[in-house]
PDB file of N, CA and C in Angstrom:
ATOM      1  N   MET A   1      68.696  29.602 -31.963  1.00  0.00           N
ATOM      2  CA  MET A   1      69.092  30.962 -31.658  1.00  0.00           C
ATOM      3  C   MET A   1      68.095  31.561 -30.668  1.00  0.00           C
ATOM      4  N   THR A   2      68.610  32.298 -29.715  1.00  0.00           N
ATOM      5  CA  THR A   2      67.774  32.989 -28.742  1.00  0.00           C
ATOM      6  C   THR A   2      67.873  34.487 -28.983  1.00  0.00           C
ATOM      7  N   TYR A   3      66.712  35.150 -28.987  1.00  0.00           N
ATOM      8  CA  TYR A   3      66.670  36.599 -29.133  1.00  0.00           C
ATOM      9  C   TYR A   3      66.469  37.229 -27.761  1.00  0.00           C
ATOM     10  N   LYS A   4      67.300  38.210 -27.455  1.00  0.00           N
ATOM     11  CA  LYS A   4      67.169  38.943 -26.197  1.00  0.00           C
ATOM     12  C   LYS A   4      66.207  40.108 -26.413  1.00  0.00           C
ATOM     13  N   VAL A   5      65.210  40.207 -25.521  1.00  0.00           N
ATOM     14  CA  VAL A   5      64.113  41.144 -25.707  1.00  0.00           C
ATOM     15  C   VAL A   5      63.968  42.069 -24.501  1.00  0.00           C
ATOM     16  N   ILE A   6      63.745  43.336 -24.771  1.00  0.00           N
ATOM     17  CA  ILE A   6      63.399  44.311 -23.735  1.00  0.00           C
ATOM     18  C   ILE A   6      61.903  44.564 -23.848  1.00  0.00           C
ATOM     19  N   GLN A   7      61.202  44.482 -22.744  1.00  0.00           N
ATOM     20  CA  GLN A   7      59.783  44.822 -22.716  1.00  0.00           C
ATOM     21  C   GLN A   7      59.656  46.289 -22.314  1.00  0.00           C
ATOM     22  N   TRP A   8      58.968  47.069 -23.145  1.00  0.00           N
ATOM     23  CA  TRP A   8      58.830  48.517 -22.908  1.00  0.00           C
ATOM     24  C   TRP A   8      57.403  48.816 -22.484  1.00  0.00           C
ATOM     25  N   ALA A   9      57.202  48.947 -21.197  1.00  0.00           N
ATOM     26  CA  ALA A   9      55.933  49.275 -20.543  1.00  0.00           C
ATOM     27  C   ALA A   9      55.271  48.006 -20.000  1.00  0.00           C
ATOM     28  N   THR A  10      54.587  48.183 -18.886  1.00  0.00           N
ATOM     29  CA  THR A  10      54.022  47.028 -18.192  1.00  0.00           C
ATOM     30  C   THR A  10      52.551  47.225 -17.839  1.00  0.00           C
ATOM     31  N   GLY A  11      51.816  47.822 -18.771  1.00  0.00           N
ATOM     32  CA  GLY A  11      50.376  47.916 -18.594  1.00  0.00           C
ATOM     33  C   GLY A  11      49.750  46.564 -18.922  1.00  0.00           C
ATOM     34  N   ASN A  12      48.484  46.564 -19.258  1.00  0.00           N
ATOM     35  CA  ASN A  12      47.793  45.302 -19.543  1.00  0.00           C
ATOM     36  C   ASN A  12      48.464  44.508 -20.660  1.00  0.00           C
ATOM     37  N   VAL A  13      48.801  45.161 -21.751  1.00  0.00           N
ATOM     38  CA  VAL A  13      49.449  44.470 -22.869  1.00  0.00           C
ATOM     39  C   VAL A  13      50.877  44.076 -22.492  1.00  0.00           C
ATOM     40  N   GLY A  14      51.591  44.968 -21.842  1.00  0.00           N
ATOM     41  CA  GLY A  14      52.962  44.689 -21.445  1.00  0.00           C
ATOM     42  C   GLY A  14      53.085  43.498 -20.510  1.00  0.00           C
ATOM     43  N   LYS A  15      52.160  43.371 -19.578  1.00  0.00           N
ATOM     44  CA  LYS A  15      52.169  42.223 -18.670  1.00  0.00           C
ATOM     45  C   LYS A  15      52.030  40.918 -19.446  1.00  0.00           C
ATOM     46  N   GLN A  16      51.127  40.901 -20.409  1.00  0.00           N
ATOM     47  CA  GLN A  16      50.941  39.698 -21.224  1.00  0.00           C
ATOM     48  C   GLN A  16      52.161  39.452 -22.120  1.00  0.00           C
ATOM     49  N   ALA A  17      52.785  40.524 -22.589  1.00  0.00           N
ATOM     50  CA  ALA A  17      53.986  40.380 -23.413  1.00  0.00           C
ATOM     51  C   ALA A  17      55.116  39.752 -22.602  1.00  0.00           C
ATOM     52  N   ILE A  18      55.282  40.173 -21.357  1.00  0.00           N
ATOM     53  CA  ILE A  18      56.317  39.581 -20.504  1.00  0.00           C
ATOM     54  C   ILE A  18      56.077  38.083 -20.377  1.00  0.00           C
ATOM     55  N   ARG A  19      54.845  37.701 -20.105  1.00  0.00           N
ATOM     56  CA  ARG A  19      54.524  36.280 -19.981  1.00  0.00           C
ATOM     57  C   ARG A  19      54.816  35.530 -21.288  1.00  0.00           C
ATOM     58  N   GLY A  20      54.482  36.143 -22.411  1.00  0.00           N
ATOM     59  CA  GLY A  20      54.734  35.520 -23.709  1.00  0.00           C
ATOM     60  C   GLY A  20      56.215  35.369 -24.006  1.00  0.00           C
ATOM     61  N   ILE A  21      56.975  36.399 -23.682  1.00  0.00           N
ATOM     62  CA  ILE A  21      58.434  36.344 -23.886  1.00  0.00           C
ATOM     63  C   ILE A  21      59.025  35.217 -23.050  1.00  0.00           C
ATOM     64  N   LEU A  22      58.639  35.150 -21.794  1.00  0.00           N
ATOM     65  CA  LEU A  22      59.176  34.131 -20.892  1.00  0.00           C
ATOM     66  C   LEU A  22      58.777  32.716 -21.307  1.00  0.00           C
ATOM     67  N   ALA A  23      57.612  32.572 -21.911  1.00  0.00           N
ATOM     68  CA  ALA A  23      57.124  31.246 -22.299  1.00  0.00           C
ATOM     69  C   ALA A  23      57.716  30.761 -23.621  1.00  0.00           C
ATOM     70  N   HIS A  24      58.284  31.673 -24.400  1.00  0.00           N
ATOM     71  CA  HIS A  24      58.785  31.310 -25.727  1.00  0.00           C
ATOM     72  C   HIS A  24      60.219  30.776 -25.618  1.00  0.00           C
ATOM     73  N   PRO A  25      60.493  29.597 -26.144  1.00  0.00           N
ATOM     74  CA  PRO A  25      61.834  29.005 -25.987  1.00  0.00           C
ATOM     75  C   PRO A  25      62.944  29.736 -26.726  1.00  0.00           C
ATOM     76  N   GLU A  26      62.604  30.585 -27.687  1.00  0.00           N
ATOM     77  CA  GLU A  26      63.637  31.295 -28.437  1.00  0.00           C
ATOM     78  C   GLU A  26      63.787  32.752 -28.008  1.00  0.00           C
ATOM     79  N   LEU A  27      63.108  33.136 -26.923  1.00  0.00           N
ATOM     80  CA  LEU A  27      63.195  34.509 -26.424  1.00  0.00           C
ATOM     81  C   LEU A  27      63.702  34.530 -24.994  1.00  0.00           C
ATOM     82  N   GLU A  28      64.456  35.580 -24.684  1.00  0.00           N
ATOM     83  CA  GLU A  28      64.974  35.785 -23.340  1.00  0.00           C
ATOM     84  C   GLU A  28      64.664  37.230 -22.937  1.00  0.00           C
ATOM     85  N   LEU A  29      64.046  37.423 -21.796  1.00  0.00           N
ATOM     86  CA  LEU A  29      63.766  38.767 -21.302  1.00  0.00           C
ATOM     87  C   LEU A  29      65.065  39.380 -20.795  1.00  0.00           C
ATOM     88  N   ALA A  30      65.480  40.470 -21.438  1.00  0.00           N
ATOM     89  CA  ALA A  30      66.768  41.092 -21.118  1.00  0.00           C
ATOM     90  C   ALA A  30      66.614  42.395 -20.347  1.00  0.00           C
ATOM     91  N   GLY A  31      65.418  42.978 -20.355  1.00  0.00           N
ATOM     92  CA  GLY A  31      65.213  44.245 -19.668  1.00  0.00           C
ATOM     93  C   GLY A  31      63.744  44.604 -19.665  1.00  0.00           C
ATOM     94  N   CYS A  32      63.422  45.585 -18.834  1.00  0.00           N
ATOM     95  CA  CYS A  32      62.024  45.998 -18.699  1.00  0.00           C
ATOM     96  C   CYS A  32      61.974  47.473 -18.329  1.00  0.00           C
ATOM     97  N   TRP A  33      61.274  48.259 -19.159  1.00  0.00           N
ATOM     98  CA  TRP A  33      61.101  49.692 -18.910  1.00  0.00           C
ATOM     99  C   TRP A  33      59.725  49.941 -18.309  1.00  0.00           C
ATOM    100  N   VAL A  34      59.685  50.808 -17.296  1.00  0.00           N
ATOM    101  CA  VAL A  34      58.421  51.195 -16.672  1.00  0.00           C
ATOM    102  C   VAL A  34      58.319  52.712 -16.631  1.00  0.00           C
ATOM    103  N   HIS A  35      57.107  53.203 -16.769  1.00  0.00           N
ATOM    104  CA  HIS A  35      56.850  54.642 -16.723  1.00  0.00           C
ATOM    105  C   HIS A  35      56.762  55.133 -15.285  1.00  0.00           C
ATOM    106  N   SER A  36      56.128  54.360 -14.455  1.00  0.00           N
ATOM    107  CA  SER A  36      55.836  54.752 -13.078  1.00  0.00           C
ATOM    108  C   SER A  36      57.043  54.558 -12.162  1.00  0.00           C
ATOM    109  N   ALA A  37      57.411  55.608 -11.456  1.00  0.00           N
ATOM    110  CA  ALA A  37      58.558  55.533 -10.541  1.00  0.00           C
ATOM    111  C   ALA A  37      58.350  54.493  -9.438  1.00  0.00           C
ATOM    112  N   ASP A  38      57.106  54.239  -9.057  1.00  0.00           N
ATOM    113  CA  ASP A  38      56.881  53.261  -7.990  1.00  0.00           C
ATOM    114  C   ASP A  38      57.068  51.822  -8.470  1.00  0.00           C
ATOM    115  N   LYS A  39      57.209  51.590  -9.777  1.00  0.00           N
ATOM    116  CA  LYS A  39      57.498  50.251 -10.295  1.00  0.00           C
ATOM    117  C   LYS A  39      59.001  50.009 -10.469  1.00  0.00           C
ATOM    118  N   VAL A  40      59.784  51.084 -10.446  1.00  0.00           N
ATOM    119  CA  VAL A  40      61.238  50.961 -10.614  1.00  0.00           C
ATOM    120  C   VAL A  40      61.795  50.070  -9.499  1.00  0.00           C
ATOM    121  N   GLY A  41      62.635  49.128  -9.888  1.00  0.00           N
ATOM    122  CA  GLY A  41      63.251  48.219  -8.936  1.00  0.00           C
ATOM    123  C   GLY A  41      62.455  46.949  -8.685  1.00  0.00           C
ATOM    124  N   THR A  42      61.267  46.863  -9.265  1.00  0.00           N
ATOM    125  CA  THR A  42      60.421  45.683  -9.103  1.00  0.00           C
ATOM    126  C   THR A  42      60.779  44.652 -10.168  1.00  0.00           C
ATOM    127  N   ASP A  43      60.751  43.393  -9.811  1.00  0.00           N
ATOM    128  CA  ASP A  43      61.035  42.326 -10.759  1.00  0.00           C
ATOM    129  C   ASP A  43      59.947  42.292 -11.839  1.00  0.00           C
ATOM    130  N   ALA A  44      60.355  42.106 -13.080  1.00  0.00           N
ATOM    131  CA  ALA A  44      59.411  42.091 -14.208  1.00  0.00           C
ATOM    132  C   ALA A  44      58.377  40.978 -14.067  1.00  0.00           C
ATOM    133  N   GLY A  45      58.773  39.844 -13.528  1.00  0.00           N
ATOM    134  CA  GLY A  45      57.824  38.763 -13.312  1.00  0.00           C
ATOM    135  C   GLY A  45      56.733  39.166 -12.341  1.00  0.00           C
ATOM    136  N   VAL A  46      57.115  39.812 -11.279  1.00  0.00           N
ATOM    137  CA  VAL A  46      56.137  40.283 -10.286  1.00  0.00           C
ATOM    138  C   VAL A  46      55.183  41.280 -10.938  1.00  0.00           C
ATOM    139  N   LEU A  47      55.706  42.182 -11.758  1.00  0.00           N
ATOM    140  CA  LEU A  47      54.850  43.144 -12.459  1.00  0.00           C
ATOM    141  C   LEU A  47      53.861  42.439 -13.391  1.00  0.00           C
ATOM    142  N   ALA A  48      54.266  41.289 -13.923  1.00  0.00           N
ATOM    143  CA  ALA A  48      53.401  40.524 -14.820  1.00  0.00           C
ATOM    144  C   ALA A  48      52.483  39.575 -14.061  1.00  0.00           C
ATOM    145  N   GLY A  49      52.576  39.568 -12.740  1.00  0.00           N
ATOM    146  CA  GLY A  49      51.693  38.728 -11.940  1.00  0.00           C
ATOM    147  C   GLY A  49      52.157  37.290 -11.794  1.00  0.00           C
ATOM    148  N   ILE A  50      53.466  37.070 -12.006  1.00  0.00           N
ATOM    149  CA  ILE A  50      54.022  35.723 -11.857  1.00  0.00           C
ATOM    150  C   ILE A  50      55.211  35.784 -10.903  1.00  0.00           C
ATOM    151  N   ASP A  51      55.898  34.666 -10.752  1.00  0.00           N
ATOM    152  CA  ASP A  51      57.068  34.620  -9.881  1.00  0.00           C
ATOM    153  C   ASP A  51      58.189  35.512 -10.421  1.00  0.00           C
ATOM    154  N   PRO A  52      59.087  35.964  -9.556  1.00  0.00           N
ATOM    155  CA  PRO A  52      60.232  36.763 -10.003  1.00  0.00           C
ATOM    156  C   PRO A  52      61.056  36.015 -11.054  1.00  0.00           C
ATOM    157  N   VAL A  53      61.603  36.780 -12.000  1.00  0.00           N
ATOM    158  CA  VAL A  53      62.385  36.188 -13.091  1.00  0.00           C
ATOM    159  C   VAL A  53      63.823  36.701 -13.135  1.00  0.00           C
ATOM    160  N   GLY A  54      64.168  37.609 -12.238  1.00  0.00           N
ATOM    161  CA  GLY A  54      65.530  38.116 -12.193  1.00  0.00           C
ATOM    162  C   GLY A  54      65.820  39.295 -13.102  1.00  0.00           C
ATOM    163  N   VAL A  55      64.788  39.929 -13.627  1.00  0.00           N
ATOM    164  CA  VAL A  55      64.945  41.128 -14.463  1.00  0.00           C
ATOM    165  C   VAL A  55      64.263  42.274 -13.724  1.00  0.00           C
ATOM    166  N   THR A  56      65.038  43.283 -13.382  1.00  0.00           N
ATOM    167  CA  THR A  56      64.537  44.409 -12.604  1.00  0.00           C
ATOM    168  C   THR A  56      64.077  45.531 -13.521  1.00  0.00           C
ATOM    169  N   ALA A  57      62.893  46.046 -13.261  1.00  0.00           N
ATOM    170  CA  ALA A  57      62.335  47.141 -14.058  1.00  0.00           C
ATOM    171  C   ALA A  57      63.065  48.448 -13.763  1.00  0.00           C
ATOM    172  N   THR A  58      63.177  49.261 -14.806  1.00  0.00           N
ATOM    173  CA  THR A  58      63.845  50.553 -14.677  1.00  0.00           C
ATOM    174  C   THR A  58      63.120  51.607 -15.515  1.00  0.00           C
ATOM    175  N   ASN A  59      63.349  52.866 -15.174  1.00  0.00           N
ATOM    176  CA  ASN A  59      62.882  53.956 -16.036  1.00  0.00           C
ATOM    177  C   ASN A  59      64.070  54.741 -16.586  1.00  0.00           C
ATOM    178  N   ASP A  60      65.269  54.181 -16.447  1.00  0.00           N
ATOM    179  CA  ASP A  60      66.497  54.777 -16.964  1.00  0.00           C
ATOM    180  C   ASP A  60      66.689  54.321 -18.412  1.00  0.00           C
ATOM    181  N   ILE A  61      66.260  55.148 -19.331  1.00  0.00           N
ATOM    182  CA  ILE A  61      66.294  54.781 -20.747  1.00  0.00           C
ATOM    183  C   ILE A  61      67.716  54.522 -21.227  1.00  0.00           C
ATOM    184  N   ASP A  62      68.664  55.373 -20.846  1.00  0.00           N
ATOM    185  CA  ASP A  62      70.049  55.181 -21.292  1.00  0.00           C
ATOM    186  C   ASP A  62      70.600  53.838 -20.837  1.00  0.00           C
ATOM    187  N   ALA A  63      70.380  53.495 -19.586  1.00  0.00           N
ATOM    188  CA  ALA A  63      70.868  52.217 -19.067  1.00  0.00           C
ATOM    189  C   ALA A  63      70.202  51.051 -19.777  1.00  0.00           C
ATOM    190  N   LEU A  64      68.913  51.165 -20.020  1.00  0.00           N
ATOM    191  CA  LEU A  64      68.191  50.076 -20.660  1.00  0.00           C
ATOM    192  C   LEU A  64      68.632  49.892 -22.108  1.00  0.00           C
ATOM    193  N   LEU A  65      68.846  50.979 -22.812  1.00  0.00           N
ATOM    194  CA  LEU A  65      69.274  50.864 -24.205  1.00  0.00           C
ATOM    195  C   LEU A  65      70.724  50.383 -24.323  1.00  0.00           C
ATOM    196  N   ALA A  66      71.474  50.434 -23.235  1.00  0.00           N
ATOM    197  CA  ALA A  66      72.838  49.904 -23.226  1.00  0.00           C
ATOM    198  C   ALA A  66      72.850  48.389 -23.008  1.00  0.00           C
ATOM    199  N   VAL A  67      71.711  47.824 -22.627  1.00  0.00           N
ATOM    200  CA  VAL A  67      71.594  46.386 -22.412  1.00  0.00           C
ATOM    201  C   VAL A  67      71.764  45.655 -23.743  1.00  0.00           C
ATOM    202  N   ASP A  68      72.469  44.534 -23.705  1.00  0.00           N
ATOM    203  CA  ASP A  68      72.626  43.708 -24.898  1.00  0.00           C
ATOM    204  C   ASP A  68      71.281  43.058 -25.206  1.00  0.00           C
ATOM    205  N   ALA A  69      70.591  43.557 -26.213  1.00  0.00           N
ATOM    206  CA  ALA A  69      69.286  43.023 -26.609  1.00  0.00           C
ATOM    207  C   ALA A  69      69.114  43.180 -28.105  1.00  0.00           C
ATOM    208  N   ASP A  70      68.337  42.285 -28.679  1.00  0.00           N
ATOM    209  CA  ASP A  70      68.083  42.309 -30.115  1.00  0.00           C
ATOM    210  C   ASP A  70      66.898  43.183 -30.483  1.00  0.00           C
ATOM    211  N   CYS A  71      65.912  43.228 -29.607  1.00  0.00           N
ATOM    212  CA  CYS A  71      64.708  43.968 -29.961  1.00  0.00           C
ATOM    213  C   CYS A  71      63.960  44.446 -28.720  1.00  0.00           C
ATOM    214  N   VAL A  72      62.995  45.319 -28.975  1.00  0.00           N
ATOM    215  CA  VAL A  72      62.143  45.883 -27.936  1.00  0.00           C
ATOM    216  C   VAL A  72      60.692  45.621 -28.323  1.00  0.00           C
ATOM    217  N   VAL A  73      59.935  45.063 -27.373  1.00  0.00           N
ATOM    218  CA  VAL A  73      58.492  44.952 -27.545  1.00  0.00           C
ATOM    219  C   VAL A  73      57.928  46.237 -26.943  1.00  0.00           C
ATOM    220  N   TYR A  74      57.464  47.124 -27.789  1.00  0.00           N
ATOM    221  CA  TYR A  74      57.074  48.482 -27.407  1.00  0.00           C
ATOM    222  C   TYR A  74      55.557  48.545 -27.237  1.00  0.00           C
ATOM    223  N   THR A  75      55.081  48.624 -25.969  1.00  0.00           N
ATOM    224  CA  THR A  75      53.637  48.557 -25.716  1.00  0.00           C
ATOM    225  C   THR A  75      53.113  49.627 -24.752  1.00  0.00           C
ATOM    226  N   PRO A  76      53.599  50.866 -24.828  1.00  0.00           N
ATOM    227  CA  PRO A  76      53.019  51.875 -23.940  1.00  0.00           C
ATOM    228  C   PRO A  76      51.596  52.223 -24.350  1.00  0.00           C
ATOM    229  N   LEU A  77      50.874  52.830 -23.439  1.00  0.00           N
ATOM    230  CA  LEU A  77      49.495  53.236 -23.729  1.00  0.00           C
ATOM    231  C   LEU A  77      49.463  54.220 -24.900  1.00  0.00           C
ATOM    232  N   MET A  78      50.386  55.164 -24.885  1.00  0.00           N
ATOM    233  CA  MET A  78      50.500  56.154 -25.963  1.00  0.00           C
ATOM    234  C   MET A  78      51.907  56.068 -26.553  1.00  0.00           C
ATOM    235  N   ALA A  79      51.997  55.764 -27.825  1.00  0.00           N
ATOM    236  CA  ALA A  79      53.300  55.675 -28.483  1.00  0.00           C
ATOM    237  C   ALA A  79      53.940  57.057 -28.582  1.00  0.00           C
ATOM    238  N   ASP A  80      55.242  57.085 -28.462  1.00  0.00           N
ATOM    239  CA  ASP A  80      56.019  58.320 -28.551  1.00  0.00           C
ATOM    240  C   ASP A  80      57.037  58.131 -29.678  1.00  0.00           C
ATOM    241  N   ARG A  81      56.815  58.814 -30.783  1.00  0.00           N
ATOM    242  CA  ARG A  81      57.671  58.650 -31.958  1.00  0.00           C
ATOM    243  C   ARG A  81      59.147  58.898 -31.632  1.00  0.00           C
ATOM    244  N   ALA A  82      59.430  59.937 -30.865  1.00  0.00           N
ATOM    245  CA  ALA A  82      60.817  60.254 -30.511  1.00  0.00           C
ATOM    246  C   ALA A  82      61.445  59.111 -29.700  1.00  0.00           C
ATOM    247  N   GLU A  83      60.649  58.500 -28.858  1.00  0.00           N
ATOM    248  CA  GLU A  83      61.134  57.375 -28.050  1.00  0.00           C
ATOM    249  C   GLU A  83      61.466  56.179 -28.950  1.00  0.00           C
ATOM    250  N   VAL A  84      60.582  55.891 -29.889  1.00  0.00           N
ATOM    251  CA  VAL A  84      60.820  54.782 -30.820  1.00  0.00           C
ATOM    252  C   VAL A  84      62.068  55.053 -31.655  1.00  0.00           C
ATOM    253  N   GLU A  85      62.229  56.278 -32.127  1.00  0.00           N
ATOM    254  CA  GLU A  85      63.414  56.629 -32.907  1.00  0.00           C
ATOM    255  C   GLU A  85      64.681  56.460 -32.074  1.00  0.00           C
ATOM    256  N   ARG A  86      64.605  56.817 -30.802  1.00  0.00           N
ATOM    257  CA  ARG A  86      65.761  56.660 -29.900  1.00  0.00           C
ATOM    258  C   ARG A  86      66.117  55.178 -29.738  1.00  0.00           C
ATOM    259  N   ILE A  87      65.107  54.349 -29.599  1.00  0.00           N
ATOM    260  CA  ILE A  87      65.340  52.902 -29.483  1.00  0.00           C
ATOM    261  C   ILE A  87      66.002  52.374 -30.752  1.00  0.00           C
ATOM    262  N   LEU A  88      65.501  52.800 -31.895  1.00  0.00           N
ATOM    263  CA  LEU A  88      66.064  52.357 -33.172  1.00  0.00           C
ATOM    264  C   LEU A  88      67.505  52.845 -33.352  1.00  0.00           C
ATOM    265  N   ARG A  89      67.763  54.095 -32.981  1.00  0.00           N
ATOM    266  CA  ARG A  89      69.148  54.629 -33.076  1.00  0.00           C
ATOM    267  C   ARG A  89      70.101  53.868 -32.183  1.00  0.00           C
ATOM    268  N   ALA A  90      69.590  53.266 -31.109  1.00  0.00           N
ATOM    269  CA  ALA A  90      70.432  52.470 -30.207  1.00  0.00           C
ATOM    270  C   ALA A  90      70.730  51.091 -30.790  1.00  0.00           C
ATOM    271  N   GLY A  91      70.180  50.811 -31.971  1.00  0.00           N
ATOM    272  CA  GLY A  91      70.489  49.541 -32.632  1.00  0.00           C
ATOM    273  C   GLY A  91      69.522  48.410 -32.292  1.00  0.00           C
ATOM    274  N   LYS A  92      68.403  48.750 -31.687  1.00  0.00           N
ATOM    275  CA  LYS A  92      67.416  47.728 -31.333  1.00  0.00           C
ATOM    276  C   LYS A  92      66.311  47.704 -32.384  1.00  0.00           C
ATOM    277  N   ASN A  93      65.813  46.545 -32.693  1.00  0.00           N
ATOM    278  CA  ASN A  93      64.618  46.409 -33.519  1.00  0.00           C
ATOM    279  C   ASN A  93      63.411  46.648 -32.632  1.00  0.00           C
ATOM    280  N   VAL A  94      62.337  47.141 -33.220  1.00  0.00           N
ATOM    281  CA  VAL A  94      61.106  47.394 -32.460  1.00  0.00           C
ATOM    282  C   VAL A  94      60.005  46.563 -33.074  1.00  0.00           C
TER     283      VAL A  94
END
């Protein structure tokens, strides 16, 4: 079974999480959320310091939560309870 994963934030921890998701045979990177507008549209692999992987970063929460995914790896610098609750209400595990 493969789990589809959204990476939420691409700071130091998020970059390593992207690499870990991509390296794991049972995980598939399904989406990537970024806080910074200048990262929007950038490939998640490039943000993680590796080759492009075909997943484009976005800051559109509604669009990202509409993505078919099983869970979200939530790694922002500062956690936002309302944001986590929104992710959970969308049916994603965190």
